[in-house]
Amino acid sequence: MVNYPGGIVSARKQKNQQPKPVKFGKRGMSFEAEINATNAYYLAHGLAVIHKKPTPIQIVKVDYPKRSRAKITEAYFRQASTTDYSGVYQGYYIDFEAKETQNKTSFPLKNFHDHQIEHMENVLSQKGIAFVLLHFTVLSRTFLLKASDLIPFYKEHKGQKSIPLTFIEDKGDEISNQLLPSIPYLDPIHKLLGGDSHFKSTTK
């Protein structure tokens, strides 16, 4: 079993709950899979080297049903994660978080955590590129929102429940899904690097 922050989940129960096939934009893992496929495309074409960060796990108990095979039966997260992805694009360090919601008019602020905001601030302070990819599953719309826009909103409206879609439409860049790459998030980054210094500036 794995000790998650919200409790213990049985490994046997997880094994029996087989996920059903879903289309992109309907379930959380499908959005992640599309981002991973996009990163694989960028890597294969020499455009960028960006990977999903591994989640640090502390193994507590291991069973050996066979001498040649070990089975992890209990583990827990060693520390809170920062953001989902990091890598290099045209000499710039890239760091971003990917999140989605079923909401139609806003994005819940509870999806973000203080340590993630602090991490993105640190990336910006070193002149790296930090942002979030926000996907509205019901609307089938994906946006890139710069950390330099997210961070001030998060700090000013921390008690607020969500980020209005109108704010995201105004400040963010909408990304149109396509065949290859699936989520071409480097397009707005390339444009912004050419004539916009917000990615490289620090937030106050």
N, C-alpha and C. Protein backbone atom coordinates (compact mmCIF):
# COMPACT_ATOMS: atom_id res chain seq x y z
N MET A 1 0.85 -1.20 0.00
CA MET A 1 0.00 0.00 0.00
C MET A 1 0.88 1.24 0.00
N VAL A 2 0.32 2.35 -0.46
CA VAL A 2 1.04 3.61 -0.55
C VAL A 2 0.39 4.63 0.37
N ASN A 3 1.19 5.27 1.20
CA ASN A 3 0.68 6.29 2.11
C ASN A 3 0.64 7.63 1.40
N TYR A 4 -0.50 8.03 0.88
CA TYR A 4 -0.66 9.33 0.25
C TYR A 4 -0.96 10.37 1.31
N PRO A 5 -0.80 11.66 0.97
CA PRO A 5 -1.05 12.70 1.98
C PRO A 5 -2.45 12.61 2.58
N GLY A 6 -3.44 12.14 1.82
CA GLY A 6 -4.80 12.08 2.34
C GLY A 6 -5.15 10.76 2.97
N GLY A 7 -4.21 9.85 3.06
CA GLY A 7 -4.50 8.57 3.68
C GLY A 7 -3.79 7.43 2.99
N ILE A 8 -4.18 6.19 3.31
CA ILE A 8 -3.53 5.00 2.78
C ILE A 8 -4.40 4.37 1.72
N VAL A 9 -3.79 4.03 0.61
CA VAL A 9 -4.51 3.39 -0.48
C VAL A 9 -3.96 1.99 -0.66
N SER A 10 -4.79 1.02 -0.65
CA SER A 10 -4.38 -0.37 -0.80
C SER A 10 -3.88 -0.64 -2.19
N ALA A 11 -2.73 -1.27 -2.29
CA ALA A 11 -2.16 -1.62 -3.58
C ALA A 11 -3.05 -2.63 -4.29
N ARG A 12 -3.69 -3.54 -3.53
CA ARG A 12 -4.58 -4.53 -4.12
C ARG A 12 -5.81 -3.86 -4.71
N LYS A 13 -6.35 -2.84 -4.01
CA LYS A 13 -7.52 -2.12 -4.49
C LYS A 13 -7.20 -1.37 -5.76
N GLN A 14 -6.01 -0.74 -5.81
CA GLN A 14 -5.61 -0.02 -7.00
C GLN A 14 -5.49 -0.96 -8.18
N LYS A 15 -5.00 -2.15 -7.95
CA LYS A 15 -4.78 -3.11 -9.02
C LYS A 15 -6.10 -3.54 -9.62
N ASN A 16 -7.14 -3.68 -8.77
CA ASN A 16 -8.43 -4.15 -9.25
C ASN A 16 -9.23 -3.07 -9.96
N GLN A 17 -8.89 -1.80 -9.72
CA GLN A 17 -9.60 -0.70 -10.35
C GLN A 17 -8.91 -0.32 -11.65
N GLN A 18 -9.22 -1.00 -12.73
CA GLN A 18 -8.62 -0.74 -14.01
C GLN A 18 -9.24 0.50 -14.65
N PRO A 19 -8.43 1.47 -15.09
CA PRO A 19 -8.98 2.68 -15.70
C PRO A 19 -9.64 2.38 -17.03
N LYS A 20 -10.74 3.09 -17.30
CA LYS A 20 -11.43 2.92 -18.57
C LYS A 20 -10.81 3.82 -19.63
N PRO A 21 -10.84 3.38 -20.90
CA PRO A 21 -10.31 4.23 -21.98
C PRO A 21 -11.09 5.53 -22.04
N VAL A 22 -10.38 6.65 -22.15
CA VAL A 22 -11.04 7.95 -22.20
C VAL A 22 -10.42 8.79 -23.30
N LYS A 23 -11.17 9.80 -23.71
CA LYS A 23 -10.67 10.73 -24.72
C LYS A 23 -9.98 11.89 -24.03
N PHE A 24 -9.07 12.54 -24.73
CA PHE A 24 -8.34 13.67 -24.18
C PHE A 24 -9.33 14.75 -23.74
N GLY A 25 -9.08 15.31 -22.55
CA GLY A 25 -9.92 16.35 -22.04
C GLY A 25 -11.02 15.85 -21.14
N LYS A 26 -11.14 14.52 -20.93
CA LYS A 26 -12.19 13.98 -20.09
C LYS A 26 -11.69 13.51 -18.74
N ARG A 27 -10.42 13.14 -18.65
CA ARG A 27 -9.87 12.65 -17.40
C ARG A 27 -8.48 13.24 -17.19
N GLY A 28 -8.03 13.32 -15.91
CA GLY A 28 -6.77 13.96 -15.60
C GLY A 28 -5.56 13.36 -16.29
N MET A 29 -5.43 12.03 -16.27
CA MET A 29 -4.23 11.41 -16.82
C MET A 29 -4.10 11.61 -18.32
N SER A 30 -5.22 11.79 -19.04
CA SER A 30 -5.13 11.95 -20.48
C SER A 30 -4.46 13.27 -20.85
N PHE A 31 -4.69 14.30 -20.07
CA PHE A 31 -4.04 15.59 -20.31
C PHE A 31 -2.54 15.44 -20.10
N GLU A 32 -2.16 14.75 -19.04
CA GLU A 32 -0.74 14.49 -18.78
C GLU A 32 -0.12 13.68 -19.91
N ALA A 33 -0.85 12.69 -20.40
CA ALA A 33 -0.33 11.85 -21.49
C ALA A 33 -0.09 12.68 -22.74
N GLU A 34 -0.97 13.63 -23.01
CA GLU A 34 -0.79 14.49 -24.18
C GLU A 34 0.43 15.39 -24.03
N ILE A 35 0.67 15.87 -22.82
CA ILE A 35 1.85 16.70 -22.58
C ILE A 35 3.12 15.86 -22.74
N ASN A 36 3.08 14.64 -22.20
CA ASN A 36 4.24 13.75 -22.33
C ASN A 36 4.53 13.44 -23.80
N ALA A 37 3.46 13.24 -24.59
CA ALA A 37 3.63 12.97 -26.01
C ALA A 37 4.21 14.18 -26.72
N THR A 38 3.79 15.35 -26.31
CA THR A 38 4.34 16.59 -26.89
C THR A 38 5.81 16.72 -26.57
N ASN A 39 6.18 16.43 -25.32
CA ASN A 39 7.58 16.51 -24.92
C ASN A 39 8.43 15.51 -25.71
N ALA A 40 7.87 14.32 -25.95
CA ALA A 40 8.58 13.31 -26.73
C ALA A 40 8.79 13.79 -28.16
N TYR A 41 7.80 14.48 -28.71
CA TYR A 41 7.92 15.03 -30.06
C TYR A 41 9.01 16.10 -30.10
N TYR A 42 8.99 17.00 -29.11
CA TYR A 42 10.01 18.05 -29.06
C TYR A 42 11.42 17.47 -28.95
N LEU A 43 11.57 16.42 -28.14
CA LEU A 43 12.87 15.79 -27.97
C LEU A 43 13.32 15.12 -29.26
N ALA A 44 12.42 14.38 -29.90
CA ALA A 44 12.76 13.65 -31.12
C ALA A 44 13.15 14.59 -32.26
N HIS A 45 12.60 15.80 -32.26
CA HIS A 45 12.89 16.76 -33.33
C HIS A 45 13.93 17.81 -32.92
N GLY A 46 14.58 17.59 -31.79
CA GLY A 46 15.65 18.48 -31.36
C GLY A 46 15.20 19.88 -31.01
N LEU A 47 13.95 20.04 -30.59
CA LEU A 47 13.40 21.36 -30.29
C LEU A 47 13.58 21.74 -28.82
N ALA A 48 13.49 20.76 -27.93
CA ALA A 48 13.63 21.02 -26.50
C ALA A 48 13.83 19.70 -25.77
N VAL A 49 14.37 19.80 -24.56
CA VAL A 49 14.54 18.62 -23.70
C VAL A 49 13.78 18.90 -22.42
N ILE A 50 12.57 18.38 -22.34
CA ILE A 50 11.70 18.64 -21.20
C ILE A 50 11.10 17.32 -20.73
N HIS A 51 11.19 17.06 -19.43
CA HIS A 51 10.71 15.79 -18.88
C HIS A 51 9.84 16.03 -17.64
N LYS A 52 9.00 15.08 -17.36
CA LYS A 52 8.21 15.11 -16.13
C LYS A 52 9.13 14.77 -14.96
N LYS A 53 9.01 15.52 -13.89
CA LYS A 53 9.85 15.29 -12.72
C LYS A 53 9.39 14.04 -11.97
N PRO A 54 10.30 13.20 -11.56
CA PRO A 54 9.91 12.02 -10.77
C PRO A 54 9.47 12.45 -9.37
N THR A 55 8.48 11.74 -8.83
CA THR A 55 8.01 12.03 -7.48
C THR A 55 8.83 11.24 -6.48
N PRO A 56 9.51 11.92 -5.54
CA PRO A 56 10.34 11.21 -4.56
C PRO A 56 9.49 10.39 -3.60
N ILE A 57 9.74 9.08 -3.56
CA ILE A 57 8.97 8.18 -2.70
C ILE A 57 9.91 7.41 -1.76
N GLN A 58 9.52 7.31 -0.52
CA GLN A 58 10.27 6.55 0.48
C GLN A 58 9.64 5.17 0.61
N ILE A 59 10.39 4.14 0.28
CA ILE A 59 9.87 2.77 0.38
C ILE A 59 9.96 2.30 1.83
N VAL A 60 8.84 1.79 2.33
CA VAL A 60 8.76 1.34 3.72
C VAL A 60 8.81 -0.18 3.82
N LYS A 61 8.06 -0.84 2.94
CA LYS A 61 7.96 -2.30 3.05
C LYS A 61 8.00 -2.94 1.67
N VAL A 62 8.77 -4.01 1.56
CA VAL A 62 8.90 -4.73 0.30
C VAL A 62 8.68 -6.22 0.56
N ASP A 63 7.82 -6.83 -0.24
CA ASP A 63 7.60 -8.27 -0.16
C ASP A 63 8.31 -8.96 -1.33
N TYR A 64 8.69 -10.19 -1.10
CA TYR A 64 9.37 -10.97 -2.14
C TYR A 64 8.58 -12.25 -2.42
N PRO A 65 7.50 -12.13 -3.24
CA PRO A 65 6.71 -13.32 -3.56
C PRO A 65 7.53 -14.38 -4.29
N LYS A 66 8.53 -13.90 -5.04
CA LYS A 66 9.46 -14.81 -5.71
C LYS A 66 10.88 -14.31 -5.46
N ARG A 67 11.82 -15.19 -5.48
CA ARG A 67 13.19 -14.79 -5.20
C ARG A 67 13.71 -13.79 -6.21
N SER A 68 13.19 -13.85 -7.45
CA SER A 68 13.68 -12.97 -8.50
C SER A 68 12.84 -11.72 -8.67
N ARG A 69 11.84 -11.53 -7.82
CA ARG A 69 10.95 -10.39 -8.00
C ARG A 69 10.59 -9.75 -6.66
N ALA A 70 10.75 -8.44 -6.58
CA ALA A 70 10.40 -7.69 -5.38
C ALA A 70 9.12 -6.89 -5.64
N LYS A 71 8.28 -6.78 -4.58
CA LYS A 71 7.02 -6.07 -4.71
C LYS A 71 6.90 -5.05 -3.58
N ILE A 72 6.79 -3.76 -3.97
CA ILE A 72 6.64 -2.70 -2.98
C ILE A 72 5.20 -2.72 -2.47
N THR A 73 5.03 -2.88 -1.17
CA THR A 73 3.69 -2.96 -0.59
C THR A 73 3.33 -1.74 0.26
N GLU A 74 4.32 -0.94 0.62
CA GLU A 74 4.03 0.27 1.40
C GLU A 74 5.10 1.32 1.12
N ALA A 75 4.65 2.55 0.88
CA ALA A 75 5.57 3.65 0.60
C ALA A 75 4.85 4.96 0.87
N TYR A 76 5.60 6.05 0.95
CA TYR A 76 4.98 7.36 1.13
C TYR A 76 5.83 8.42 0.45
N PHE A 77 5.20 9.57 0.15
CA PHE A 77 5.92 10.66 -0.48
C PHE A 77 6.88 11.28 0.54
N ARG A 78 8.14 11.43 0.14
CA ARG A 78 9.15 11.96 1.06
C ARG A 78 9.01 13.46 1.27
N GLN A 79 8.53 14.19 0.25
CA GLN A 79 8.41 15.64 0.35
C GLN A 79 7.37 16.13 -0.65
N ALA A 80 6.91 17.36 -0.43
CA ALA A 80 5.94 17.93 -1.35
C ALA A 80 6.60 18.21 -2.69
N SER A 81 5.90 17.92 -3.76
CA SER A 81 6.46 18.15 -5.08
C SER A 81 6.43 19.64 -5.41
N THR A 82 7.25 20.06 -6.35
CA THR A 82 7.27 21.48 -6.76
C THR A 82 6.34 21.66 -7.95
N THR A 83 6.86 21.47 -9.14
CA THR A 83 6.04 21.54 -10.34
C THR A 83 6.22 20.25 -11.14
N ASP A 84 5.41 20.08 -12.18
CA ASP A 84 5.37 18.81 -12.90
C ASP A 84 6.53 18.58 -13.86
N TYR A 85 6.94 19.64 -14.58
CA TYR A 85 7.89 19.46 -15.67
C TYR A 85 9.03 20.48 -15.61
N SER A 86 10.17 20.07 -16.15
CA SER A 86 11.30 20.99 -16.26
C SER A 86 12.21 20.53 -17.39
N GLY A 87 13.01 21.47 -17.89
CA GLY A 87 13.92 21.12 -18.98
C GLY A 87 14.57 22.35 -19.57
N VAL A 88 15.04 22.22 -20.81
CA VAL A 88 15.77 23.30 -21.48
C VAL A 88 15.19 23.55 -22.87
N TYR A 89 15.01 24.83 -23.21
CA TYR A 89 14.54 25.23 -24.53
C TYR A 89 15.35 26.44 -24.98
N GLN A 90 16.12 26.28 -26.05
CA GLN A 90 16.93 27.35 -26.62
C GLN A 90 17.79 28.05 -25.57
N GLY A 91 18.38 27.28 -24.69
CA GLY A 91 19.26 27.83 -23.67
C GLY A 91 18.55 28.35 -22.43
N TYR A 92 17.22 28.30 -22.41
CA TYR A 92 16.45 28.77 -21.27
C TYR A 92 15.98 27.58 -20.43
N TYR A 93 16.04 27.75 -19.12
CA TYR A 93 15.48 26.73 -18.23
C TYR A 93 13.97 26.90 -18.21
N ILE A 94 13.26 25.79 -18.41
CA ILE A 94 11.80 25.80 -18.43
C ILE A 94 11.26 24.99 -17.26
N ASP A 95 10.25 25.53 -16.59
CA ASP A 95 9.66 24.86 -15.44
C ASP A 95 8.17 25.17 -15.45
N PHE A 96 7.33 24.13 -15.44
CA PHE A 96 5.90 24.42 -15.46
C PHE A 96 5.07 23.34 -14.79
N GLU A 97 3.87 23.75 -14.43
CA GLU A 97 2.88 22.89 -13.81
C GLU A 97 1.72 22.71 -14.78
N ALA A 98 1.11 21.54 -14.80
CA ALA A 98 -0.03 21.27 -15.67
C ALA A 98 -1.22 20.87 -14.82
N LYS A 99 -2.34 21.56 -15.01
CA LYS A 99 -3.54 21.28 -14.21
C LYS A 99 -4.78 21.39 -15.10
N GLU A 100 -5.84 20.72 -14.68
CA GLU A 100 -7.09 20.81 -15.42
C GLU A 100 -8.28 20.86 -14.48
N THR A 101 -9.42 21.28 -15.03
CA THR A 101 -10.63 21.42 -14.23
C THR A 101 -11.85 21.10 -15.08
N GLN A 102 -12.92 20.71 -14.40
CA GLN A 102 -14.21 20.48 -15.05
C GLN A 102 -15.04 21.78 -15.08
N ASN A 103 -14.58 22.80 -14.37
CA ASN A 103 -15.31 24.07 -14.33
C ASN A 103 -15.32 24.73 -15.71
N LYS A 104 -16.35 25.52 -15.95
CA LYS A 104 -16.49 26.18 -17.24
C LYS A 104 -16.12 27.66 -17.22
N THR A 105 -16.19 28.28 -16.04
CA THR A 105 -16.01 29.73 -15.98
C THR A 105 -14.84 30.18 -15.10
N SER A 106 -14.17 29.24 -14.44
CA SER A 106 -13.07 29.62 -13.56
C SER A 106 -12.17 28.41 -13.29
N PHE A 107 -10.97 28.71 -12.73
CA PHE A 107 -10.02 27.65 -12.39
C PHE A 107 -9.77 27.70 -10.89
N PRO A 108 -10.05 26.62 -10.15
CA PRO A 108 -9.91 26.62 -8.69
C PRO A 108 -8.49 26.93 -8.22
N LEU A 109 -8.38 27.87 -7.30
CA LEU A 109 -7.07 28.21 -6.74
C LEU A 109 -6.54 27.11 -5.83
N LYS A 110 -7.43 26.25 -5.34
CA LYS A 110 -6.99 25.17 -4.45
C LYS A 110 -6.07 24.19 -5.18
N ASN A 111 -6.05 24.25 -6.51
CA ASN A 111 -5.16 23.39 -7.29
C ASN A 111 -3.70 23.81 -7.17
N PHE A 112 -3.47 25.01 -6.65
CA PHE A 112 -2.11 25.50 -6.47
C PHE A 112 -1.77 25.53 -4.98
N HIS A 113 -0.48 25.37 -4.68
CA HIS A 113 -0.04 25.33 -3.29
C HIS A 113 1.10 26.34 -3.09
N ASP A 114 1.25 26.78 -1.85
CA ASP A 114 2.24 27.80 -1.53
C ASP A 114 3.64 27.41 -1.99
N HIS A 115 4.02 26.14 -1.78
CA HIS A 115 5.37 25.73 -2.13
C HIS A 115 5.59 25.74 -3.65
N GLN A 116 4.52 25.54 -4.42
CA GLN A 116 4.64 25.62 -5.88
C GLN A 116 4.81 27.06 -6.33
N ILE A 117 4.06 27.96 -5.72
CA ILE A 117 4.19 29.38 -6.04
C ILE A 117 5.58 29.88 -5.68
N GLU A 118 6.06 29.48 -4.52
CA GLU A 118 7.41 29.88 -4.10
C GLU A 118 8.46 29.33 -5.06
N HIS A 119 8.28 28.09 -5.50
CA HIS A 119 9.23 27.50 -6.44
C HIS A 119 9.26 28.27 -7.75
N MET A 120 8.10 28.63 -8.28
CA MET A 120 8.06 29.38 -9.53
C MET A 120 8.68 30.77 -9.37
N GLU A 121 8.49 31.36 -8.20
CA GLU A 121 9.14 32.64 -7.92
C GLU A 121 10.66 32.50 -7.98
N ASN A 122 11.17 31.42 -7.40
CA ASN A 122 12.61 31.18 -7.42
C ASN A 122 13.13 30.98 -8.84
N VAL A 123 12.34 30.29 -9.67
CA VAL A 123 12.73 30.09 -11.07
C VAL A 123 12.81 31.44 -11.78
N LEU A 124 11.81 32.29 -11.59
CA LEU A 124 11.81 33.61 -12.22
C LEU A 124 12.97 34.46 -11.73
N SER A 125 13.31 34.34 -10.46
CA SER A 125 14.40 35.14 -9.91
C SER A 125 15.75 34.78 -10.54
N GLN A 126 15.85 33.55 -11.08
CA GLN A 126 17.06 33.12 -11.78
C GLN A 126 16.91 33.26 -13.30
N LYS A 127 15.87 34.02 -13.70
CA LYS A 127 15.61 34.33 -15.11
C LYS A 127 15.27 33.09 -15.94
N GLY A 128 14.65 32.12 -15.28
CA GLY A 128 14.13 30.96 -15.99
C GLY A 128 12.72 31.23 -16.49
N ILE A 129 12.17 30.32 -17.24
CA ILE A 129 10.82 30.42 -17.77
C ILE A 129 9.90 29.55 -16.93
N ALA A 130 8.91 30.17 -16.30
CA ALA A 130 7.98 29.44 -15.45
C ALA A 130 6.55 29.79 -15.86
N PHE A 131 5.70 28.77 -15.91
CA PHE A 131 4.32 29.00 -16.31
C PHE A 131 3.47 27.81 -15.89
N VAL A 132 2.17 27.91 -16.14
CA VAL A 132 1.26 26.80 -15.89
C VAL A 132 0.45 26.55 -17.16
N LEU A 133 0.16 25.29 -17.42
CA LEU A 133 -0.75 24.91 -18.49
C LEU A 133 -2.08 24.58 -17.83
N LEU A 134 -3.13 25.29 -18.21
CA LEU A 134 -4.45 25.12 -17.61
C LEU A 134 -5.41 24.58 -18.66
N HIS A 135 -6.01 23.44 -18.36
CA HIS A 135 -6.93 22.83 -19.32
C HIS A 135 -8.35 22.77 -18.76
N PHE A 136 -9.29 23.31 -19.52
CA PHE A 136 -10.71 23.25 -19.19
C PHE A 136 -11.30 22.09 -19.97
N THR A 137 -11.54 20.98 -19.29
CA THR A 137 -11.92 19.75 -19.98
C THR A 137 -13.26 19.85 -20.69
N VAL A 138 -14.25 20.45 -20.04
CA VAL A 138 -15.59 20.55 -20.64
C VAL A 138 -15.57 21.46 -21.85
N LEU A 139 -14.78 22.53 -21.78
CA LEU A 139 -14.69 23.48 -22.88
C LEU A 139 -13.70 23.05 -23.96
N SER A 140 -12.85 22.06 -23.61
CA SER A 140 -11.78 21.63 -24.52
C SER A 140 -10.89 22.81 -24.90
N ARG A 141 -10.50 23.59 -23.89
CA ARG A 141 -9.63 24.75 -24.11
C ARG A 141 -8.42 24.65 -23.18
N THR A 142 -7.25 24.97 -23.73
CA THR A 142 -6.01 24.92 -22.96
C THR A 142 -5.31 26.26 -23.05
N PHE A 143 -4.81 26.74 -21.91
CA PHE A 143 -4.14 28.03 -21.86
C PHE A 143 -2.76 27.90 -21.22
N LEU A 144 -1.84 28.73 -21.68
CA LEU A 144 -0.55 28.89 -21.01
C LEU A 144 -0.63 30.22 -20.27
N LEU A 145 -0.46 30.16 -18.95
CA LEU A 145 -0.48 31.36 -18.12
C LEU A 145 0.88 31.53 -17.47
N LYS A 146 1.52 32.65 -17.74
CA LYS A 146 2.85 32.90 -17.19
C LYS A 146 2.82 32.98 -15.68
N ALA A 147 3.89 32.51 -15.05
CA ALA A 147 3.99 32.57 -13.59
C ALA A 147 3.98 34.02 -13.12
N SER A 148 4.51 34.92 -13.94
CA SER A 148 4.55 36.34 -13.57
C SER A 148 3.16 36.95 -13.50
N ASP A 149 2.16 36.28 -14.11
CA ASP A 149 0.77 36.73 -14.00
C ASP A 149 0.03 35.94 -12.91
N LEU A 150 0.36 34.66 -12.79
CA LEU A 150 -0.30 33.83 -11.78
C LEU A 150 0.07 34.22 -10.37
N ILE A 151 1.36 34.44 -10.11
CA ILE A 151 1.84 34.67 -8.75
C ILE A 151 1.20 35.89 -8.09
N PRO A 152 1.16 37.07 -8.75
CA PRO A 152 0.51 38.22 -8.11
C PRO A 152 -0.97 37.97 -7.84
N PHE A 153 -1.66 37.30 -8.77
CA PHE A 153 -3.08 37.00 -8.56
C PHE A 153 -3.25 36.08 -7.36
N TYR A 154 -2.40 35.06 -7.28
CA TYR A 154 -2.49 34.09 -6.18
C TYR A 154 -2.29 34.79 -4.83
N LYS A 155 -1.33 35.68 -4.76
CA LYS A 155 -1.03 36.36 -3.50
C LYS A 155 -2.12 37.36 -3.12
N GLU A 156 -2.66 38.05 -4.12
CA GLU A 156 -3.66 39.06 -3.85
C GLU A 156 -5.03 38.46 -3.56
N HIS A 157 -5.34 37.33 -4.21
CA HIS A 157 -6.67 36.74 -4.08
C HIS A 157 -6.61 35.36 -3.45
N LYS A 158 -5.72 35.17 -2.52
CA LYS A 158 -5.54 33.84 -1.93
C LYS A 158 -6.81 33.32 -1.28
N GLY A 159 -7.62 34.22 -0.72
CA GLY A 159 -8.87 33.81 -0.10
C GLY A 159 -9.97 33.52 -1.11
N GLN A 160 -9.72 33.93 -2.35
CA GLN A 160 -10.71 33.70 -3.40
C GLN A 160 -10.67 32.24 -3.83
N LYS A 161 -11.80 31.73 -4.27
CA LYS A 161 -11.88 30.32 -4.59
C LYS A 161 -11.30 29.96 -5.94
N SER A 162 -11.28 30.91 -6.89
CA SER A 162 -10.85 30.53 -8.23
C SER A 162 -10.36 31.73 -9.04
N ILE A 163 -9.70 31.39 -10.17
CA ILE A 163 -9.26 32.39 -11.14
C ILE A 163 -10.32 32.46 -12.23
N PRO A 164 -10.92 33.61 -12.47
CA PRO A 164 -11.94 33.71 -13.52
C PRO A 164 -11.38 33.37 -14.89
N LEU A 165 -12.19 32.73 -15.70
CA LEU A 165 -11.77 32.41 -17.06
C LEU A 165 -11.43 33.67 -17.84
N THR A 166 -12.14 34.74 -17.54
CA THR A 166 -11.89 36.01 -18.24
C THR A 166 -10.47 36.51 -17.98
N PHE A 167 -9.96 36.30 -16.74
CA PHE A 167 -8.59 36.69 -16.41
C PHE A 167 -7.59 35.85 -17.21
N ILE A 168 -7.87 34.55 -17.28
CA ILE A 168 -6.98 33.64 -18.01
C ILE A 168 -6.99 33.96 -19.50
N GLU A 169 -8.17 34.28 -20.03
CA GLU A 169 -8.27 34.65 -21.45
C GLU A 169 -7.50 35.93 -21.73
N ASP A 170 -7.54 36.87 -20.79
CA ASP A 170 -6.87 38.16 -20.96
C ASP A 170 -5.36 38.06 -20.82
N LYS A 171 -4.90 37.35 -19.81
CA LYS A 171 -3.47 37.28 -19.51
C LYS A 171 -2.76 36.11 -20.18
N GLY A 172 -3.49 35.03 -20.44
CA GLY A 172 -2.85 33.82 -20.96
C GLY A 172 -2.84 33.74 -22.48
N ASP A 173 -2.24 32.67 -22.97
CA ASP A 173 -2.22 32.37 -24.40
C ASP A 173 -2.96 31.05 -24.62
N GLU A 174 -3.99 31.09 -25.42
CA GLU A 174 -4.73 29.86 -25.69
C GLU A 174 -3.96 29.00 -26.68
N ILE A 175 -3.91 27.71 -26.40
CA ILE A 175 -3.17 26.75 -27.23
C ILE A 175 -4.17 25.84 -27.93
N SER A 176 -4.11 25.82 -29.25
CA SER A 176 -5.01 24.97 -30.02
C SER A 176 -4.40 23.58 -30.15
N ASN A 177 -5.18 22.57 -29.78
CA ASN A 177 -4.71 21.19 -29.90
C ASN A 177 -4.56 20.81 -31.36
N GLN A 178 -3.56 20.02 -31.67
CA GLN A 178 -3.33 19.56 -33.02
C GLN A 178 -2.80 18.13 -32.97
N LEU A 179 -2.52 17.57 -34.13
CA LEU A 179 -2.09 16.17 -34.18
C LEU A 179 -0.69 16.01 -33.62
N LEU A 180 0.28 16.70 -34.20
CA LEU A 180 1.67 16.63 -33.76
C LEU A 180 2.30 18.02 -33.80
N PRO A 181 2.81 18.50 -32.67
CA PRO A 181 2.64 17.94 -31.33
C PRO A 181 1.23 18.19 -30.80
N SER A 182 0.82 17.39 -29.85
CA SER A 182 -0.56 17.44 -29.35
C SER A 182 -0.90 18.78 -28.70
N ILE A 183 -0.01 19.26 -27.84
CA ILE A 183 -0.22 20.53 -27.14
C ILE A 183 1.01 21.40 -27.40
N PRO A 184 1.03 22.17 -28.48
CA PRO A 184 2.22 22.92 -28.87
C PRO A 184 2.49 24.15 -28.00
N TYR A 185 2.84 23.90 -26.74
CA TYR A 185 3.01 25.01 -25.80
C TYR A 185 4.28 25.82 -26.05
N LEU A 186 5.20 25.29 -26.87
CA LEU A 186 6.40 26.06 -27.18
C LEU A 186 6.10 27.22 -28.13
N ASP A 187 4.99 27.16 -28.83
CA ASP A 187 4.66 28.24 -29.77
C ASP A 187 4.52 29.59 -29.07
N PRO A 188 3.68 29.70 -28.03
CA PRO A 188 3.61 31.00 -27.34
C PRO A 188 4.89 31.37 -26.62
N ILE A 189 5.64 30.38 -26.15
CA ILE A 189 6.92 30.68 -25.50
C ILE A 189 7.90 31.29 -26.49
N HIS A 190 7.96 30.69 -27.67
CA HIS A 190 8.85 31.20 -28.71
C HIS A 190 8.49 32.64 -29.07
N LYS A 191 7.21 32.89 -29.18
CA LYS A 191 6.73 34.24 -29.50
C LYS A 191 7.08 35.23 -28.40
N LEU A 192 6.87 34.82 -27.16
CA LEU A 192 7.13 35.70 -26.03
C LEU A 192 8.62 35.97 -25.84
N LEU A 193 9.43 34.99 -26.11
CA LEU A 193 10.88 35.19 -25.98
C LEU A 193 11.39 36.17 -27.03
N GLY A 194 10.69 36.23 -28.16
CA GLY A 194 11.12 37.12 -29.23
C GLY A 194 10.79 38.58 -28.98
N GLY A 195 9.70 38.85 -28.22
CA GLY A 195 9.33 40.24 -28.06
C GLY A 195 8.72 40.57 -26.72
N ASP A 196 8.86 39.68 -25.76
CA ASP A 196 8.26 39.91 -24.45
C ASP A 196 9.23 39.42 -23.39
N SER A 197 9.56 40.27 -22.42
CA SER A 197 10.54 39.91 -21.38
C SER A 197 9.88 39.42 -20.10
N HIS A 198 8.55 39.22 -20.11
CA HIS A 198 7.87 38.83 -18.86
C HIS A 198 8.39 37.51 -18.31
N PHE A 199 8.74 36.57 -19.19
CA PHE A 199 9.21 35.27 -18.70
C PHE A 199 10.50 35.45 -17.91
N LYS A 200 11.32 36.41 -18.33
CA LYS A 200 12.64 36.53 -17.73
C LYS A 200 12.66 37.50 -16.55
N SER A 201 11.55 38.19 -16.31
CA SER A 201 11.52 39.15 -15.23
C SER A 201 11.08 38.48 -13.92
N THR A 202 11.46 39.09 -12.82
CA THR A 202 11.05 38.57 -11.53
C THR A 202 9.75 39.22 -11.11
N THR A 203 9.03 38.58 -10.22
CA THR A 203 7.78 39.14 -9.71
C THR A 203 8.05 39.82 -8.39
N LYS A 204 7.24 40.81 -8.08
CA LYS A 204 7.41 41.55 -6.84
C LYS A 204 6.34 41.14 -5.83
